[in-house]
PDB file of N, CA and C in Angstrom:
ATOM      1  N   MET A   1     145.565  33.574  72.532  1.00  0.00           N
ATOM      2  CA  MET A   1     144.241  34.078  72.242  1.00  0.00           C
ATOM      3  C   MET A   1     143.710  33.230  70.906  1.00  0.00           C
ATOM      4  N   LEU A   2     144.457  32.524  70.269  1.00  0.00           N
ATOM      5  CA  LEU A   2     144.296  30.887  70.116  1.00  0.00           C
ATOM      6  C   LEU A   2     142.761  29.859  70.715  1.00  0.00           C
ATOM      7  N   ALA A   3     143.027  29.585  72.486  1.00  0.00           N
ATOM      8  CA  ALA A   3     142.269  28.788  73.023  1.00  0.00           C
ATOM      9  C   ALA A   3     141.266  29.695  72.844  1.00  0.00           C
ATOM     10  N   LEU A   4     141.364  31.164  73.202  1.00  0.00           N
ATOM     11  CA  LEU A   4     140.007  32.063  73.893  1.00  0.00           C
ATOM     12  C   LEU A   4     139.190  32.264  72.356  1.00  0.00           C
ATOM     13  N   GLY A   5     139.848  31.903  71.284  1.00  0.00           N
ATOM     14  CA  GLY A   5     139.347  32.131  70.096  1.00  0.00           C
ATOM     15  C   GLY A   5     138.727  30.610  69.663  1.00  0.00           C
ATOM     16  N   LEU A   6     139.316  29.012  70.073  1.00  0.00           N
ATOM     17  CA  LEU A   6     138.359  28.201  69.752  1.00  0.00           C
ATOM     18  C   LEU A   6     137.459  28.060  71.094  1.00  0.00           C
ATOM     19  N   VAL A   7     137.840  28.484  71.872  1.00  0.00           N
ATOM     20  CA  VAL A   7     136.973  28.195  72.618  1.00  0.00           C
ATOM     21  C   VAL A   7     135.648  29.077  72.501  1.00  0.00           C
ATOM     22  N   VAL A   8     135.557  30.050  71.924  1.00  0.00           N
ATOM     23  CA  VAL A   8     134.712  30.837  71.921  1.00  0.00           C
ATOM     24  C   VAL A   8     134.153  30.100  70.102  1.00  0.00           C
ATOM     25  N   VAL A   9     134.263  29.465  68.932  1.00  0.00           N
ATOM     26  CA  VAL A   9     133.639  29.132  68.106  1.00  0.00           C
ATOM     27  C   VAL A   9     133.086  27.627  69.060  1.00  0.00           C
ATOM     28  N   ILE A  10     133.830  27.424  69.197  1.00  0.00           N
ATOM     29  CA  ILE A  10     133.318  26.149  69.610  1.00  0.00           C
ATOM     30  C   ILE A  10     131.533  25.592  70.514  1.00  0.00           C
ATOM     31  N   HIS A  11     131.970  26.939  71.657  1.00  0.00           N
ATOM     32  CA  HIS A  11     130.619  26.895  72.958  1.00  0.00           C
ATOM     33  C   HIS A  11     129.805  28.025  71.880  1.00  0.00           C
ATOM     34  N   SER A  12     129.925  28.957  71.025  1.00  0.00           N
ATOM     35  CA  SER A  12     129.340  29.560  70.188  1.00  0.00           C
ATOM     36  C   SER A  12     128.258  28.469  69.586  1.00  0.00           C
ATOM     37  N   GLY A  13     128.475  27.491  68.952  1.00  0.00           N
ATOM     38  CA  GLY A  13     127.646  26.167  68.308  1.00  0.00           C
ATOM     39  C   GLY A  13     128.210  26.218  66.498  1.00  0.00           C
ATOM     40  N   SER A  14     129.469  26.941  66.451  1.00  0.00           N
ATOM     41  CA  SER A  14     129.634  27.204  65.168  1.00  0.00           C
ATOM     42  C   SER A  14     130.074  26.103  64.640  1.00  0.00           C
ATOM     43  N   LEU A  15     131.193  25.294  65.404  1.00  0.00           N
ATOM     44  CA  LEU A  15     131.810  23.964  65.104  1.00  0.00           C
ATOM     45  C   LEU A  15     130.986  22.723  65.778  1.00  0.00           C
ATOM     46  N   SER A  16     129.999  21.941  65.773  1.00  0.00           N
ATOM     47  CA  SER A  16     129.785  20.886  65.987  1.00  0.00           C
ATOM     48  C   SER A  16     130.302  20.012  66.779  1.00  0.00           C
ATOM     49  N   LEU A  17     130.650  19.663  67.458  1.00  0.00           N
ATOM     50  CA  LEU A  17     132.018  18.228  68.266  1.00  0.00           C
ATOM     51  C   LEU A  17     131.297  17.139  68.326  1.00  0.00           C
ATOM     52  N   ALA A  18     130.045  16.804  67.754  1.00  0.00           N
ATOM     53  CA  ALA A  18     129.510  15.599  67.810  1.00  0.00           C
ATOM     54  C   ALA A  18     129.587  14.712  67.022  1.00  0.00           C
ATOM     55  N   GLY A  19     131.027  14.986  65.651  1.00  0.00           N
ATOM     56  CA  GLY A  19     131.851  13.790  65.145  1.00  0.00           C
ATOM     57  C   GLY A  19     131.788  13.825  63.988  1.00  0.00           C
ATOM     58  N   ASN A  20     130.316  13.987  63.488  1.00  0.00           N
ATOM     59  CA  ASN A  20     129.750  13.689  61.960  1.00  0.00           C
ATOM     60  C   ASN A  20     130.041  15.277  60.879  1.00  0.00           C
ATOM     61  N   GLY A  21     130.266  16.625  61.716  1.00  0.00           N
ATOM     62  CA  GLY A  21     130.365  18.117  61.495  1.00  0.00           C
ATOM     63  C   GLY A  21     128.823  18.073  60.118  1.00  0.00           C
ATOM     64  N   ALA A  22     128.318  17.217  59.923  1.00  0.00           N
ATOM     65  CA  ALA A  22     126.869  17.830  58.361  1.00  0.00           C
ATOM     66  C   ALA A  22     125.553  17.811  59.389  1.00  0.00           C
ATOM     67  N   THR A  23     125.232  19.446  59.437  1.00  0.00           N
ATOM     68  CA  THR A  23     123.784  19.903  59.953  1.00  0.00           C
ATOM     69  C   THR A  23     122.527  19.342  59.209  1.00  0.00           C
ATOM     70  N   THR A  24     121.849  18.733  60.058  1.00  0.00           N
ATOM     71  CA  THR A  24     120.867  18.867  58.705  1.00  0.00           C
ATOM     72  C   THR A  24     119.526  20.150  59.147  1.00  0.00           C
ATOM     73  N   GLU A  25     118.369  20.279  57.852  1.00  0.00           N
ATOM     74  CA  GLU A  25     118.122  20.821  57.681  1.00  0.00           C
ATOM     75  C   GLU A  25     117.159  21.780  59.023  1.00  0.00           C
ATOM     76  N   GLY A  26     116.685  20.695  59.475  1.00  0.00           N
ATOM     77  CA  GLY A  26     115.399  20.533  60.769  1.00  0.00           C
ATOM     78  C   GLY A  26     116.251  20.545  62.049  1.00  0.00           C
ATOM     79  N   THR A  27     117.256  21.099  62.294  1.00  0.00           N
ATOM     80  CA  THR A  27     117.663  20.329  63.582  1.00  0.00           C
ATOM     81  C   THR A  27     118.399  21.769  63.767  1.00  0.00           C
ATOM     82  N   SER A  28     118.428  22.474  65.187  1.00  0.00           N
ATOM     83  CA  SER A  28     119.009  23.582  65.468  1.00  0.00           C
ATOM     84  C   SER A  28     120.264  23.381  66.455  1.00  0.00           C
ATOM     85  N   THR A  29     121.417  24.518  65.457  1.00  0.00           N
ATOM     86  CA  THR A  29     122.843  24.294  66.085  1.00  0.00           C
ATOM     87  C   THR A  29     122.873  25.222  67.258  1.00  0.00           C
ATOM     88  N   HIS A  30     122.274  26.064  67.500  1.00  0.00           N
ATOM     89  CA  HIS A  30     122.125  26.699  69.025  1.00  0.00           C
ATOM     90  C   HIS A  30     123.032  26.470  69.734  1.00  0.00           C
ATOM     91  N   SER A  31     124.018  26.763  70.697  1.00  0.00           N
ATOM     92  CA  SER A  31     124.342  26.093  72.218  1.00  0.00           C
ATOM     93  C   SER A  31     123.778  26.548  72.859  1.00  0.00           C
ATOM     94  N   PRO A  32     123.827  26.595  74.211  1.00  0.00           N
ATOM     95  CA  PRO A  32     123.264  26.660  75.247  1.00  0.00           C
ATOM     96  C   PRO A  32     124.230  27.402  75.958  1.00  0.00           C
ATOM     97  N   TYR A  33     125.279  27.426  75.872  1.00  0.00           N
ATOM     98  CA  TYR A  33     126.408  28.378  75.881  1.00  0.00           C
ATOM     99  C   TYR A  33     126.364  29.217  75.233  1.00  0.00           C
ATOM    100  N   ALA A  34     126.014  30.052  74.043  1.00  0.00           N
ATOM    101  CA  ALA A  34     126.151  31.043  72.899  1.00  0.00           C
ATOM    102  C   ALA A  34     126.078  32.586  73.683  1.00  0.00           C
ATOM    103  N   ASP A  35     125.245  32.599  74.191  1.00  0.00           N
ATOM    104  CA  ASP A  35     125.465  33.637  74.562  1.00  0.00           C
ATOM    105  C   ASP A  35     126.195  34.414  75.856  1.00  0.00           C
ATOM    106  N   ALA A  36     126.723  33.689  77.126  1.00  0.00           N
ATOM    107  CA  ALA A  36     127.382  33.836  77.774  1.00  0.00           C
ATOM    108  C   ALA A  36     128.702  33.726  76.785  1.00  0.00           C
ATOM    109  N   THR A  37     129.560  32.440  76.058  1.00  0.00           N
ATOM    110  CA  THR A  37     129.645  33.046  75.449  1.00  0.00           C
ATOM    111  C   THR A  37     131.026  34.164  74.776  1.00  0.00           C
ATOM    112  N   ILE A  38     129.455  34.892  74.647  1.00  0.00           N
ATOM    113  CA  ILE A  38     129.582  35.853  72.896  1.00  0.00           C
ATOM    114  C   ILE A  38     129.940  36.994  73.772  1.00  0.00           C
ATOM    115  N   LEU A  39     129.386  36.813  75.553  1.00  0.00           N
ATOM    116  CA  LEU A  39     129.307  38.464  76.327  1.00  0.00           C
ATOM    117  C   LEU A  39     130.164  37.477  77.035  1.00  0.00           C
ATOM    118  N   VAL A  40     131.693  36.617  77.606  1.00  0.00           N
ATOM    119  CA  VAL A  40     132.681  36.957  78.094  1.00  0.00           C
ATOM    120  C   VAL A  40     132.939  37.309  77.033  1.00  0.00           C
ATOM    121  N   SER A  41     133.141  36.726  75.357  1.00  0.00           N
ATOM    122  CA  SER A  41     134.381  37.243  74.509  1.00  0.00           C
ATOM    123  C   SER A  41     133.718  39.067  74.215  1.00  0.00           C
ATOM    124  N   THR A  42     132.703  39.728  74.646  1.00  0.00           N
ATOM    125  CA  THR A  42     133.130  41.329  73.817  1.00  0.00           C
ATOM    126  C   THR A  42     132.915  41.527  75.095  1.00  0.00           C
ATOM    127  N   LEU A  43     132.940  41.183  76.273  1.00  0.00           N
ATOM    128  CA  LEU A  43     133.965  42.252  77.112  1.00  0.00           C
ATOM    129  C   LEU A  43     135.019  42.081  77.570  1.00  0.00           C
ATOM    130  N   TYR A  44     135.676  41.027  77.302  1.00  0.00           N
ATOM    131  CA  TYR A  44     137.868  40.406  77.000  1.00  0.00           C
ATOM    132  C   TYR A  44     137.622  41.551  75.954  1.00  0.00           C
ATOM    133  N   HIS A  45     136.856  41.691  74.926  1.00  0.00           N
ATOM    134  CA  HIS A  45     137.198  43.179  73.998  1.00  0.00           C
ATOM    135  C   HIS A  45     137.142  44.312  74.197  1.00  0.00           C
ATOM    136  N   ALA A  46     136.122  43.950  74.932  1.00  0.00           N
ATOM    137  CA  ALA A  46     135.971  45.516  75.300  1.00  0.00           C
ATOM    138  C   ALA A  46     136.693  46.032  76.319  1.00  0.00           C
ATOM    139  N   SER A  47     137.501  45.360  77.418  1.00  0.00           N
ATOM    140  CA  SER A  47     138.683  45.590  78.103  1.00  0.00           C
ATOM    141  C   SER A  47     140.185  45.662  77.698  1.00  0.00           C
ATOM    142  N   VAL A  48     140.427  44.862  76.729  1.00  0.00           N
ATOM    143  CA  VAL A  48     141.576  44.837  75.895  1.00  0.00           C
ATOM    144  C   VAL A  48     141.438  45.994  74.934  1.00  0.00           C
ATOM    145  N   ALA A  49     140.325  46.573  74.549  1.00  0.00           N
ATOM    146  CA  ALA A  49     140.544  48.402  73.442  1.00  0.00           C
ATOM    147  C   ALA A  49     140.362  48.953  74.670  1.00  0.00           C
ATOM    148  N   PHE A  50     140.005  49.298  76.172  1.00  0.00           N
ATOM    149  CA  PHE A  50     140.476  49.893  77.172  1.00  0.00           C
ATOM    150  C   PHE A  50     142.597  49.717  77.091  1.00  0.00           C
ATOM    151  N   TYR A  51     142.075  49.250  77.302  1.00  0.00           N
ATOM    152  CA  TYR A  51     143.798  49.313  77.925  1.00  0.00           C
ATOM    153  C   TYR A  51     144.690  49.569  76.619  1.00  0.00           C
ATOM    154  N   CYS A  52     143.923  48.722  75.123  1.00  0.00           N
ATOM    155  CA  CYS A  52     145.248  49.842  74.546  1.00  0.00           C
ATOM    156  C   CYS A  52     145.451  51.683  74.085  1.00  0.00           C
ATOM    157  N   TYR A  53     144.071  51.506  74.439  1.00  0.00           N
ATOM    158  CA  TYR A  53     143.744  53.273  73.717  1.00  0.00           C
ATOM    159  C   TYR A  53     145.003  54.265  74.973  1.00  0.00           C
ATOM    160  N   GLY A  54     144.673  53.392  76.650  1.00  0.00           N
ATOM    161  CA  GLY A  54     145.358  54.080  77.360  1.00  0.00           C
ATOM    162  C   GLY A  54     146.785  53.907  77.217  1.00  0.00           C
ATOM    163  N   ARG A  55     146.978  52.764  76.835  1.00  0.00           N
ATOM    164  CA  ARG A  55     148.555  52.867  76.015  1.00  0.00           C
ATOM    165  C   ARG A  55     149.336  53.621  75.086  1.00  0.00           C
ATOM    166  N   TYR A  56     147.915  53.308  74.195  1.00  0.00           N
ATOM    167  CA  TYR A  56     148.714  54.472  73.107  1.00  0.00           C
ATOM    168  C   TYR A  56     148.804  56.176  73.699  1.00  0.00           C
ATOM    169  N   HIS A  57     148.053  56.185  74.640  1.00  0.00           N
ATOM    170  CA  HIS A  57     148.426  57.893  75.033  1.00  0.00           C
ATOM    171  C   HIS A  57     149.257  57.247  76.126  1.00  0.00           C
ATOM    172  N   TRP A  58     149.430  56.422  76.546  1.00  0.00           N
ATOM    173  CA  TRP A  58     151.158  56.260  77.463  1.00  0.00           C
ATOM    174  C   TRP A  58     152.039  56.632  76.808  1.00  0.00           C
ATOM    175  N   THR A  59     152.604  55.252  76.183  1.00  0.00           N
ATOM    176  CA  THR A  59     153.484  55.613  74.633  1.00  0.00           C
ATOM    177  C   THR A  59     153.100  56.028  73.630  1.00  0.00           C
ATOM    178  N   GLY A  60     152.461  56.786  72.784  1.00  0.00           N
ATOM    179  CA  GLY A  60     152.009  57.392  71.655  1.00  0.00           C
ATOM    180  C   GLY A  60     152.583  56.168  71.070  1.00  0.00           C
ATOM    181  N   HIS A  61     152.770  54.901  70.878  1.00  0.00           N
ATOM    182  CA  HIS A  61     153.040  53.701  69.877  1.00  0.00           C
ATOM    183  C   HIS A  61     151.331  52.883  68.821  1.00  0.00           C
ATOM    184  N   THR A  62     151.902  53.186  67.851  1.00  0.00           N
ATOM    185  CA  THR A  62     150.762  53.256  66.393  1.00  0.00           C
ATOM    186  C   THR A  62     149.999  52.135  66.462  1.00  0.00           C
ATOM    187  N   ALA A  63     151.222  51.051  67.181  1.00  0.00           N
ATOM    188  CA  ALA A  63     150.368  49.530  67.306  1.00  0.00           C
ATOM    189  C   ALA A  63     148.992  49.859  67.994  1.00  0.00           C
ATOM    190  N   TYR A  64     149.015  49.802  69.360  1.00  0.00           N
ATOM    191  CA  TYR A  64     148.296  50.018  70.231  1.00  0.00           C
ATOM    192  C   TYR A  64     146.718  50.704  69.324  1.00  0.00           C
ATOM    193  N   THR A  65     146.561  51.307  68.787  1.00  0.00           N
ATOM    194  CA  THR A  65     145.719  52.607  68.024  1.00  0.00           C
ATOM    195  C   THR A  65     145.263  51.044  67.222  1.00  0.00           C
ATOM    196  N   VAL A  66     145.774  50.397  66.312  1.00  0.00           N
ATOM    197  CA  VAL A  66     146.242  49.304  65.533  1.00  0.00           C
ATOM    198  C   VAL A  66     144.548  48.189  66.217  1.00  0.00           C
ATOM    199  N   GLY A  67     145.581  48.278  67.731  1.00  0.00           N
ATOM    200  CA  GLY A  67     144.803  46.905  68.350  1.00  0.00           C
ATOM    201  C   GLY A  67     143.390  47.701  69.079  1.00  0.00           C
ATOM    202  N   CYS A  68     143.955  48.771  69.116  1.00  0.00           N
ATOM    203  CA  CYS A  68     141.953  49.526  70.223  1.00  0.00           C
ATOM    204  C   CYS A  68     141.394  49.305  69.282  1.00  0.00           C
ATOM    205  N   LEU A  69     141.153  49.665  67.690  1.00  0.00           N
ATOM    206  CA  LEU A  69     140.015  49.716  66.963  1.00  0.00           C
ATOM    207  C   LEU A  69     140.033  48.184  66.885  1.00  0.00           C
ATOM    208  N   GLY A  70     140.569  46.764  65.752  1.00  0.00           N
ATOM    209  CA  GLY A  70     140.667  46.162  66.001  1.00  0.00           C
ATOM    210  C   GLY A  70     139.070  45.348  67.702  1.00  0.00           C
ATOM    211  N   SER A  71     140.206  45.712  67.910  1.00  0.00           N
ATOM    212  CA  SER A  71     139.189  45.255  69.670  1.00  0.00           C
ATOM    213  C   SER A  71     137.939  45.588  69.556  1.00  0.00           C
ATOM    214  N   ALA A  72     138.170  46.963  69.651  1.00  0.00           N
ATOM    215  CA  ALA A  72     136.447  47.993  69.430  1.00  0.00           C
ATOM    216  C   ALA A  72     135.698  47.040  69.090  1.00  0.00           C
ATOM    217  N   ALA A  73     136.343  46.552  67.446  1.00  0.00           N
ATOM    218  CA  ALA A  73     134.748  46.532  66.344  1.00  0.00           C
ATOM    219  C   ALA A  73     135.009  44.966  66.916  1.00  0.00           C
ATOM    220  N   LEU A  74     135.073  44.065  67.277  1.00  0.00           N
ATOM    221  CA  LEU A  74     134.673  43.420  67.983  1.00  0.00           C
ATOM    222  C   LEU A  74     134.237  43.173  68.688  1.00  0.00           C
ATOM    223  N   ALA A  75     134.012  44.110  69.855  1.00  0.00           N
ATOM    224  CA  ALA A  75     133.557  44.340  70.841  1.00  0.00           C
ATOM    225  C   ALA A  75     132.268  45.067  70.573  1.00  0.00           C
ATOM    226  N   SER A  76     132.019  45.638  69.349  1.00  0.00           N
ATOM    227  CA  SER A  76     130.566  46.217  69.050  1.00  0.00           C
ATOM    228  C   SER A  76     129.751  44.876  68.300  1.00  0.00           C
ATOM    229  N   PHE A  77     130.923  44.196  67.504  1.00  0.00           N
ATOM    230  CA  PHE A  77     129.723  42.848  67.133  1.00  0.00           C
ATOM    231  C   PHE A  77     129.584  41.838  67.556  1.00  0.00           C
ATOM    232  N   GLY A  78     130.215  42.374  68.834  1.00  0.00           N
ATOM    233  CA  GLY A  78     129.338  40.330  70.077  1.00  0.00           C
ATOM    234  C   GLY A  78     128.531  42.191  70.614  1.00  0.00           C
ATOM    235  N   LEU A  79     128.817  43.212  70.884  1.00  0.00           N
ATOM    236  CA  LEU A  79     127.368  43.742  71.588  1.00  0.00           C
ATOM    237  C   LEU A  79     126.312  43.635  70.615  1.00  0.00           C
ATOM    238  N   TRP A  80     126.003  43.407  69.262  1.00  0.00           N
ATOM    239  CA  TRP A  80     125.142  43.854  68.374  1.00  0.00           C
ATOM    240  C   TRP A  80     124.707  42.465  68.641  1.00  0.00           C
ATOM    241  N   CYS A  81     125.816  41.273  68.105  1.00  0.00           N
ATOM    242  CA  CYS A  81     125.128  39.853  68.751  1.00  0.00           C
ATOM    243  C   CYS A  81     124.084  39.285  69.412  1.00  0.00           C
ATOM    244  N   LEU A  82     124.569  39.867  70.829  1.00  0.00           N
ATOM    245  CA  LEU A  82     123.796  40.159  71.499  1.00  0.00           C
ATOM    246  C   LEU A  82     122.400  40.446  71.744  1.00  0.00           C
ATOM    247  N   MET A  83     121.679  41.476  70.993  1.00  0.00           N
ATOM    248  CA  MET A  83     121.093  43.056  70.776  1.00  0.00           C
ATOM    249  C   MET A  83     120.177  41.958  70.194  1.00  0.00           C
ATOM    250  N   PHE A  84     120.435  41.586  68.805  1.00  0.00           N
ATOM    251  CA  PHE A  84     119.970  41.433  67.910  1.00  0.00           C
ATOM    252  C   PHE A  84     119.751  39.666  67.116  1.00  0.00           C
ATOM    253  N   ALA A  85     121.043  39.464  67.765  1.00  0.00           N
ATOM    254  CA  ALA A  85     121.298  37.851  66.846  1.00  0.00           C
ATOM    255  C   ALA A  85     120.296  36.748  67.192  1.00  0.00           C
ATOM    256  N   GLY A  86     119.806  36.829  68.079  1.00  0.00           N
ATOM    257  CA  GLY A  86     118.289  36.338  68.705  1.00  0.00           C
ATOM    258  C   GLY A  86     117.114  36.345  68.331  1.00  0.00           C
ATOM    259  N   ASP A  87     116.720  37.642  67.901  1.00  0.00           N
ATOM    260  CA  ASP A  87     116.068  37.991  67.512  1.00  0.00           C
ATOM    261  C   ASP A  87     115.091  38.008  66.402  1.00  0.00           C
ATOM    262  N   LYS A  88     113.712  37.357  66.473  1.00  0.00           N
ATOM    263  CA  LYS A  88     112.908  36.715  65.340  1.00  0.00           C
ATOM    264  C   LYS A  88     112.064  38.292  64.459  1.00  0.00           C
ATOM    265  N   GLY A  89     111.959  38.370  63.482  1.00  0.00           N
ATOM    266  CA  GLY A  89     111.481  38.879  62.723  1.00  0.00           C
ATOM    267  C   GLY A  89     109.963  38.248  62.448  1.00  0.00           C
ATOM    268  N   ARG A  90     109.404  39.657  62.449  1.00  0.00           N
ATOM    269  CA  ARG A  90     107.294  39.150  62.945  1.00  0.00           C
ATOM    270  C   ARG A  90     107.511  38.972  60.955  1.00  0.00           C
ATOM    271  N   ILE A  91     107.174  37.549  60.727  1.00  0.00           N
ATOM    272  CA  ILE A  91     106.948  37.678  59.599  1.00  0.00           C
ATOM    273  C   ILE A  91     105.682  37.038  59.839  1.00  0.00           C
ATOM    274  N   SER A  92     104.545  37.503  58.901  1.00  0.00           N
ATOM    275  CA  SER A  92     103.351  37.204  58.650  1.00  0.00           C
ATOM    276  C   SER A  92     102.943  35.603  58.411  1.00  0.00           C
ATOM    277  N   LYS A  93     101.857  34.974  58.040  1.00  0.00           N
ATOM    278  CA  LYS A  93     101.806  33.967  58.403  1.00  0.00           C
ATOM    279  C   LYS A  93     101.219  33.201  56.334  1.00  0.00           C
ATOM    280  N   ARG A  94     100.344  34.523  56.633  1.00  0.00           N
ATOM    281  CA  ARG A  94      99.196  34.995  55.090  1.00  0.00           C
ATOM    282  C   ARG A  94     100.115  35.297  53.954  1.00  0.00           C
ATOM    283  N   THR A  95     100.707  36.430  54.120  1.00  0.00           N
ATOM    284  CA  THR A  95     101.644  36.921  52.991  1.00  0.00           C
ATOM    285  C   THR A  95     102.765  36.423  52.794  1.00  0.00           C
ATOM    286  N   GLY A  96     103.646  36.950  54.162  1.00  0.00           N
ATOM    287  CA  GLY A  96     105.126  35.653  54.574  1.00  0.00           C
ATOM    288  C   GLY A  96     105.894  37.405  54.433  1.00  0.00           C
ATOM    289  N   PHE A  97     105.224  38.835  54.175  1.00  0.00           N
ATOM    290  CA  PHE A  97     106.534  39.650  54.276  1.00  0.00           C
ATOM    291  C   PHE A  97     106.487  39.775  55.654  1.00  0.00           C
ATOM    292  N   ASP A  98     107.512  40.746  56.477  1.00  0.00           N
ATOM    293  CA  ASP A  98     107.691  41.360  57.907  1.00  0.00           C
ATOM    294  C   ASP A  98     106.415  42.649  57.996  1.00  0.00           C
ATOM    295  N   LYS A  99     106.146  41.891  58.945  1.00  0.00           N
ATOM    296  CA  LYS A  99     105.034  43.391  60.138  1.00  0.00           C
ATOM    297  C   LYS A  99     106.117  43.707  60.176  1.00  0.00           C
ATOM    298  N   ASN A 100     106.809  44.676  60.783  1.00  0.00           N
ATOM    299  CA  ASN A 100     107.783  45.648  60.994  1.00  0.00           C
ATOM    300  C   ASN A 100     107.825  46.532  59.806  1.00  0.00           C
ATOM    301  N   THR A 101     107.822  46.764  59.314  1.00  0.00           N
ATOM    302  CA  THR A 101     108.002  47.400  58.296  1.00  0.00           C
ATOM    303  C   THR A 101     106.459  48.462  57.853  1.00  0.00           C
ATOM    304  N   SER A 102     107.211  50.481  57.607  1.00  0.00           N
ATOM    305  CA  SER A 102     106.235  50.628  58.403  1.00  0.00           C
ATOM    306  C   SER A 102     105.610  51.943  56.316  1.00  0.00           C
ATOM    307  N   GLY A 103     104.306  52.689  56.202  1.00  0.00           N
ATOM    308  CA  GLY A 103     104.588  52.777  54.731  1.00  0.00           C
ATOM    309  C   GLY A 103     105.404  54.423  54.712  1.00  0.00           C
ATOM    310  N   PHE A 104     105.566  55.255  55.427  1.00  0.00           N
ATOM    311  CA  PHE A 104     105.967  56.007  56.173  1.00  0.00           C
ATOM    312  C   PHE A 104     107.848  56.271  55.273  1.00  0.00           C
ATOM    313  N   PRO A 105     108.287  57.432  54.688  1.00  0.00           N
ATOM    314  CA  PRO A 105     107.592  58.128  53.760  1.00  0.00           C
ATOM    315  C   PRO A 105     106.617  57.575  51.816  1.00  0.00           C
ATOM    316  N   PHE A 106     106.522  56.199  52.247  1.00  0.00           N
ATOM    317  CA  PHE A 106     107.162  55.454  50.959  1.00  0.00           C
ATOM    318  C   PHE A 106     106.079  54.694  51.279  1.00  0.00           C
ATOM    319  N   LYS A 107     105.052  53.953  50.376  1.00  0.00           N
ATOM    320  CA  LYS A 107     104.416  52.707  50.399  1.00  0.00           C
ATOM    321  C   LYS A 107     105.113  51.261  50.074  1.00  0.00           C
ATOM    322  N   ASN A 108     103.896  51.024  50.889  1.00  0.00           N
ATOM    323  CA  ASN A 108     104.339  49.268  50.608  1.00  0.00           C
ATOM    324  C   ASN A 108     103.999  49.097  49.840  1.00  0.00           C
ATOM    325  N   SER A 109     104.844  48.591  48.781  1.00  0.00           N
ATOM    326  CA  SER A 109     104.474  48.039  47.734  1.00  0.00           C
ATOM    327  C   SER A 109     104.145  47.023  47.436  1.00  0.00           C
ATOM    328  N   GLU A 110     105.260  45.939  48.250  1.00  0.00           N
ATOM    329  CA  GLU A 110     105.073  44.567  48.250  1.00  0.00           C
ATOM    330  C   GLU A 110     103.566  44.284  48.988  1.00  0.00           C
ATOM    331  N   SER A 111     102.906  44.894  49.749  1.00  0.00           N
ATOM    332  CA  SER A 111     101.900  44.447  50.349  1.00  0.00           C
ATOM    333  C   SER A 111     101.129  44.987  49.949  1.00  0.00           C
ATOM    334  N   TYR A 112     100.503  46.444  49.079  1.00  0.00           N
ATOM    335  CA  TYR A 112      99.603  46.073  48.409  1.00  0.00           C
ATOM    336  C   TYR A 112      99.238  45.183  47.353  1.00  0.00           C
ATOM    337  N   ARG A 113      99.785  44.663  46.927  1.00  0.00           N
ATOM    338  CA  ARG A 113     100.659  43.855  46.193  1.00  0.00           C
ATOM    339  C   ARG A 113      99.945  42.079  46.063  1.00  0.00           C
ATOM    340  N   ALA A 114     100.559  42.042  48.053  1.00  0.00           N
ATOM    341  CA  ALA A 114     100.100  40.866  48.138  1.00  0.00           C
ATOM    342  C   ALA A 114      98.417  40.806  48.438  1.00  0.00           C
ATOM    343  N   LYS A 115      97.408  42.032  48.461  1.00  0.00           N
ATOM    344  CA  LYS A 115      96.215  42.283  48.534  1.00  0.00           C
ATOM    345  C   LYS A 115      95.464  42.284  47.429  1.00  0.00           C
ATOM    346  N   LYS A 116      96.022  43.124  47.048  1.00  0.00           N
ATOM    347  CA  LYS A 116      95.562  42.991  45.347  1.00  0.00           C
ATOM    348  C   LYS A 116      95.668  41.804  44.690  1.00  0.00           C
ATOM    349  N   LYS A 117      96.136  40.519  44.730  1.00  0.00           N
ATOM    350  CA  LYS A 117      96.021  38.902  44.632  1.00  0.00           C
ATOM    351  C   LYS A 117      95.180  38.500  45.059  1.00  0.00           C
ATOM    352  N   GLY A 118      94.792  38.552  46.266  1.00  0.00           N
ATOM    353  CA  GLY A 118      93.784  38.097  47.334  1.00  0.00           C
ATOM    354  C   GLY A 118      94.606  36.924  47.574  1.00  0.00           C
ATOM    355  N   ILE A 119      95.401  37.060  48.407  1.00  0.00           N
ATOM    356  CA  ILE A 119      95.937  35.714  49.725  1.00  0.00           C
ATOM    357  C   ILE A 119      95.614  36.566  50.912  1.00  0.00           C
TER     358      ILE A 119
END
C-alpha cells in the first residue's frame, strides 16, 4: 500500500524528482503520467471498495464497511479529478470574471458593476 501511494504521488507530479524541489511560478508541474496514474489508482480503489463490500456481506465484519467507505471515497475523488481537474474555466480577458456564470435566478452584480465602470 505504501509503494502504491508513493508511485501515485511521484507520477502525479506532486513530488518533484528534479532534486531541487523548488518550483517557479512560470513552470508547469503537470506530469505526463498524471492522468494514467490517477486512472489506475481510481480503478484500484473502486475494485477494493467492491471487494470490501462483498466481504462485508459474506462475513459481517464492520472493518470491511470502513474499508469500503474509505476506498469508495478515494475512488470517487479520483474520478472527480479525472473529469474536472484539467478543466480550465472560461475567464474573460477583459473583465476577469468567469464566462460560465448565468444570471438566473439572481443578477450577476459583478458583471453589471464591470460594465458600469466602462472596463
